[in-house]
């Protein structure tokens, strides 16, 4: 069966218990349609980039799904009908992620973190000085 990842955002004014109930409802649509929910991650209440239906925050939930396309379509239809869901997105993936997603990993354990501004300015300033010295040397040799 194809593999999917679905992320949905629930309204900020519902409780985390109601978010869990909504997640269970979506999981039940998958299991009733001969599919399985491999992983459920609740990312918690997070800020939205912009207002969506007068909400500045939302409860984020990720579902990793192994189910037929018809079952996923039915779940998406029910997400559209739910008044508590602000947005949702389903992607077909080649394989499901093992362990925690990037959103749940701590910042220190992520690879490729940001560099400090001081490090960037030092690394950018050093090559510029070497180029100036090189031009001075060539001009002195020509005279």
C-alpha atoms as a PDB file:
ATOM      1  CA  UNK A   1       0.000   0.000   0.000  1.00  0.00           C
ATOM      2  CA  UNK A   2       1.164   3.583  -0.563  1.00  0.00           C
ATOM      3  CA  UNK A   3       2.654   5.571   2.322  1.00  0.00           C
ATOM      4  CA  UNK A   4       1.461   9.049   3.298  1.00  0.00           C
ATOM      5  CA  UNK A   5       2.221  11.770   5.814  1.00  0.00           C
ATOM      6  CA  UNK A   6      -0.581  14.095   6.844  1.00  0.00           C
ATOM      7  CA  UNK A   7      -0.167  17.248   8.903  1.00  0.00           C
ATOM      8  CA  UNK A   8      -3.212  19.133  10.104  1.00  0.00           C
ATOM      9  CA  UNK A   9      -3.596  22.304  12.143  1.00  0.00           C
ATOM     10  CA  UNK A  10      -6.450  22.559  14.632  1.00  0.00           C
ATOM     11  CA  UNK A  11      -7.846  25.794  16.057  1.00  0.00           C
ATOM     12  CA  UNK A  12      -6.050  27.414  18.985  1.00  0.00           C
ATOM     13  CA  UNK A  13      -9.104  27.673  21.234  1.00  0.00           C
ATOM     14  CA  UNK A  14      -9.766  23.931  21.510  1.00  0.00           C
ATOM     15  CA  UNK A  15      -8.153  21.923  24.300  1.00  0.00           C
ATOM     16  CA  UNK A  16      -5.394  19.382  23.799  1.00  0.00           C
ATOM     17  CA  UNK A  17      -7.909  16.684  24.800  1.00  0.00           C
ATOM     18  CA  UNK A  18     -10.149  17.746  21.903  1.00  0.00           C
ATOM     19  CA  UNK A  19      -7.121  17.625  19.572  1.00  0.00           C
ATOM     20  CA  UNK A  20      -6.456  14.055  20.740  1.00  0.00           C
ATOM     21  CA  UNK A  21     -10.104  13.164  20.058  1.00  0.00           C
ATOM     22  CA  UNK A  22      -9.861  14.669  16.570  1.00  0.00           C
ATOM     23  CA  UNK A  23      -6.666  12.692  15.951  1.00  0.00           C
ATOM     24  CA  UNK A  24      -8.381   9.484  17.086  1.00  0.00           C
ATOM     25  CA  UNK A  25     -11.284  10.164  14.704  1.00  0.00           C
ATOM     26  CA  UNK A  26      -8.905  10.589  11.753  1.00  0.00           C
ATOM     27  CA  UNK A  27      -6.996   7.453  12.783  1.00  0.00           C
ATOM     28  CA  UNK A  28     -10.249   5.497  12.953  1.00  0.00           C
ATOM     29  CA  UNK A  29     -11.070   6.489   9.342  1.00  0.00           C
ATOM     30  CA  UNK A  30      -7.744   4.996   8.307  1.00  0.00           C
ATOM     31  CA  UNK A  31      -8.097   1.765  10.288  1.00  0.00           C
ATOM     32  CA  UNK A  32     -11.685   1.221   9.088  1.00  0.00           C
ATOM     33  CA  UNK A  33     -10.457   1.556   5.494  1.00  0.00           C
ATOM     34  CA  UNK A  34      -7.915  -1.300   5.826  1.00  0.00           C
ATOM     35  CA  UNK A  35      -5.003   1.028   6.576  1.00  0.00           C
ATOM     36  CA  UNK A  36      -2.663   1.543   9.489  1.00  0.00           C
ATOM     37  CA  UNK A  37      -1.399   4.618  11.285  1.00  0.00           C
ATOM     38  CA  UNK A  38       2.295   3.985  11.874  1.00  0.00           C
ATOM     39  CA  UNK A  39       3.004   7.089  13.956  1.00  0.00           C
ATOM     40  CA  UNK A  40       1.142   9.999  15.517  1.00  0.00           C
ATOM     41  CA  UNK A  41       3.082  13.081  16.624  1.00  0.00           C
ATOM     42  CA  UNK A  42       1.489  15.980  18.427  1.00  0.00           C
ATOM     43  CA  UNK A  43       3.719  19.009  17.865  1.00  0.00           C
ATOM     44  CA  UNK A  44       1.689  21.163  20.238  1.00  0.00           C
ATOM     45  CA  UNK A  45       0.445  24.728  20.010  1.00  0.00           C
ATOM     46  CA  UNK A  46       2.616  26.772  17.626  1.00  0.00           C
ATOM     47  CA  UNK A  47       2.491  30.212  16.045  1.00  0.00           C
ATOM     48  CA  UNK A  48       1.209  30.481  12.482  1.00  0.00           C
ATOM     49  CA  UNK A  49       3.100  32.528   9.908  1.00  0.00           C
ATOM     50  CA  UNK A  50      -0.051  34.541   9.227  1.00  0.00           C
ATOM     51  CA  UNK A  51      -3.636  34.651  10.461  1.00  0.00           C
ATOM     52  CA  UNK A  52      -5.795  31.775   9.262  1.00  0.00           C
ATOM     53  CA  UNK A  53      -9.517  32.161   9.907  1.00  0.00           C
ATOM     54  CA  UNK A  54      -8.748  34.751  12.627  1.00  0.00           C
ATOM     55  CA  UNK A  55      -6.313  32.402  14.431  1.00  0.00           C
ATOM     56  CA  UNK A  56      -2.704  33.299  15.223  1.00  0.00           C
ATOM     57  CA  UNK A  57      -1.812  29.881  16.674  1.00  0.00           C
ATOM     58  CA  UNK A  58      -2.738  26.282  16.006  1.00  0.00           C
ATOM     59  CA  UNK A  59      -2.315  22.732  17.317  1.00  0.00           C
ATOM     60  CA  UNK A  60      -0.109  20.791  14.863  1.00  0.00           C
ATOM     61  CA  UNK A  61      -0.463  16.996  14.438  1.00  0.00           C
ATOM     62  CA  UNK A  62       1.468  14.638  12.121  1.00  0.00           C
ATOM     63  CA  UNK A  63       0.066  11.252  11.036  1.00  0.00           C
ATOM     64  CA  UNK A  64       2.235   8.677   9.254  1.00  0.00           C
ATOM     65  CA  UNK A  65      -0.155   6.486   7.273  1.00  0.00           C
ATOM     66  CA  UNK A  66       0.025   3.215   5.329  1.00  0.00           C
ATOM     67  CA  UNK A  67      -3.340   3.017   3.551  1.00  0.00           C
ATOM     68  CA  UNK A  68      -5.046   2.852   0.154  1.00  0.00           C
ATOM     69  CA  UNK A  69      -5.632   6.146  -1.668  1.00  0.00           C
ATOM     70  CA  UNK A  70      -9.426   5.875  -1.280  1.00  0.00           C
ATOM     71  CA  UNK A  71      -9.077   5.719   2.504  1.00  0.00           C
ATOM     72  CA  UNK A  72      -6.801   8.757   2.583  1.00  0.00           C
ATOM     73  CA  UNK A  73      -9.261  10.689   0.392  1.00  0.00           C
ATOM     74  CA  UNK A  74     -12.043   9.893   2.873  1.00  0.00           C
ATOM     75  CA  UNK A  75      -9.915  11.142   5.771  1.00  0.00           C
ATOM     76  CA  UNK A  76      -9.116  14.353   3.859  1.00  0.00           C
ATOM     77  CA  UNK A  77     -12.818  14.876   3.137  1.00  0.00           C
ATOM     78  CA  UNK A  78     -13.559  14.623   6.847  1.00  0.00           C
ATOM     79  CA  UNK A  79     -10.734  17.030   7.650  1.00  0.00           C
ATOM     80  CA  UNK A  80     -12.343  19.544   5.277  1.00  0.00           C
ATOM     81  CA  UNK A  81     -15.728  19.104   6.966  1.00  0.00           C
ATOM     82  CA  UNK A  82     -14.362  19.554  10.484  1.00  0.00           C
ATOM     83  CA  UNK A  83     -14.729  23.102  11.772  1.00  0.00           C
ATOM     84  CA  UNK A  84     -11.833  22.596  14.181  1.00  0.00           C
ATOM     85  CA  UNK A  85      -9.279  22.016  11.403  1.00  0.00           C
ATOM     86  CA  UNK A  86      -7.752  25.169   9.914  1.00  0.00           C
ATOM     87  CA  UNK A  87      -5.457  23.576   7.319  1.00  0.00           C
ATOM     88  CA  UNK A  88      -4.215  20.143   6.328  1.00  0.00           C
ATOM     89  CA  UNK A  89      -1.717  18.709   3.879  1.00  0.00           C
ATOM     90  CA  UNK A  90      -1.143  15.117   2.786  1.00  0.00           C
ATOM     91  CA  UNK A  91       1.991  13.997   0.984  1.00  0.00           C
ATOM     92  CA  UNK A  92       2.809  10.639  -0.536  1.00  0.00           C
ATOM     93  CA  UNK A  93       6.247   9.483   0.617  1.00  0.00           C
ATOM     94  CA  UNK A  94       8.588   6.683  -0.410  1.00  0.00           C
ATOM     95  CA  UNK A  95       9.186   5.516   3.164  1.00  0.00           C
ATOM     96  CA  UNK A  96       7.982   6.516   6.602  1.00  0.00           C
ATOM     97  CA  UNK A  97      10.371   8.270   8.977  1.00  0.00           C
ATOM     98  CA  UNK A  98      11.667   6.225  11.882  1.00  0.00           C
ATOM     99  CA  UNK A  99      11.840   7.916  15.271  1.00  0.00           C
ATOM    100  CA  UNK A 100      10.997  11.533  15.953  1.00  0.00           C
ATOM    101  CA  UNK A 101      10.459  13.991  13.133  1.00  0.00           C
ATOM    102  CA  UNK A 102      12.632  17.073  12.762  1.00  0.00           C
ATOM    103  CA  UNK A 103      10.026  19.184  14.549  1.00  0.00           C
ATOM    104  CA  UNK A 104      10.384  17.137  17.749  1.00  0.00           C
ATOM    105  CA  UNK A 105      14.157  16.821  17.782  1.00  0.00           C
ATOM    106  CA  UNK A 106      16.018  19.227  20.029  1.00  0.00           C
ATOM    107  CA  UNK A 107      17.884  22.034  18.316  1.00  0.00           C
ATOM    108  CA  UNK A 108      21.238  20.806  19.597  1.00  0.00           C
ATOM    109  CA  UNK A 109      20.826  17.367  18.031  1.00  0.00           C
ATOM    110  CA  UNK A 110      19.947  18.735  14.584  1.00  0.00           C
ATOM    111  CA  UNK A 111      22.760  18.751  12.053  1.00  0.00           C
ATOM    112  CA  UNK A 112      23.639  21.836  10.039  1.00  0.00           C
ATOM    113  CA  UNK A 113      22.760  24.410  12.664  1.00  0.00           C
ATOM    114  CA  UNK A 114      23.166  28.129  12.160  1.00  0.00           C
ATOM    115  CA  UNK A 115      26.525  29.803  12.459  1.00  0.00           C
ATOM    116  CA  UNK A 116      27.092  32.917  14.498  1.00  0.00           C
ATOM    117  CA  UNK A 117      27.271  36.236  12.707  1.00  0.00           C
ATOM    118  CA  UNK A 118      30.780  36.812  14.070  1.00  0.00           C
ATOM    119  CA  UNK A 119      32.002  33.619  12.401  1.00  0.00           C
ATOM    120  CA  UNK A 120      30.467  34.688   9.085  1.00  0.00           C
ATOM    121  CA  UNK A 121      32.055  38.146   9.133  1.00  0.00           C
ATOM    122  CA  UNK A 122      35.472  36.725  10.059  1.00  0.00           C
ATOM    123  CA  UNK A 123      35.366  34.150   7.282  1.00  0.00           C
ATOM    124  CA  UNK A 124      34.208  36.738   4.733  1.00  0.00           C
ATOM    125  CA  UNK A 125      36.759  39.396   5.795  1.00  0.00           C
ATOM    126  CA  UNK A 126      39.806  37.115   5.645  1.00  0.00           C
ATOM    127  CA  UNK A 127      39.654  36.321   1.880  1.00  0.00           C
ATOM    128  CA  UNK A 128      39.150  40.012   1.051  1.00  0.00           C
ATOM    129  CA  UNK A 129      42.416  40.973   2.806  1.00  0.00           C
ATOM    130  CA  UNK A 130      44.335  38.254   0.983  1.00  0.00           C
ATOM    131  CA  UNK A 131      43.088  39.559  -2.370  1.00  0.00           C
ATOM    132  CA  UNK A 132      44.244  43.115  -1.508  1.00  0.00           C
ATOM    133  CA  UNK A 133      47.703  41.850  -0.530  1.00  0.00           C
ATOM    134  CA  UNK A 134      47.937  39.862  -3.750  1.00  0.00           C
ATOM    135  CA  UNK A 135      47.167  42.912  -5.891  1.00  0.00           C
ATOM    136  CA  UNK A 136      49.761  45.006  -4.053  1.00  0.00           C
ATOM    137  CA  UNK A 137      52.418  42.393  -4.644  1.00  0.00           C
ATOM    138  CA  UNK A 138      51.737  42.190  -8.363  1.00  0.00           C
ATOM    139  CA  UNK A 139      51.779  45.973  -8.783  1.00  0.00           C
ATOM    140  CA  UNK A 140      55.100  46.285  -6.969  1.00  0.00           C
ATOM    141  CA  UNK A 141      56.665  43.609  -9.142  1.00  0.00           C
ATOM    142  CA  UNK A 142      55.565  45.327 -12.356  1.00  0.00           C
ATOM    143  CA  UNK A 143      57.135  48.719 -11.484  1.00  0.00           C
END
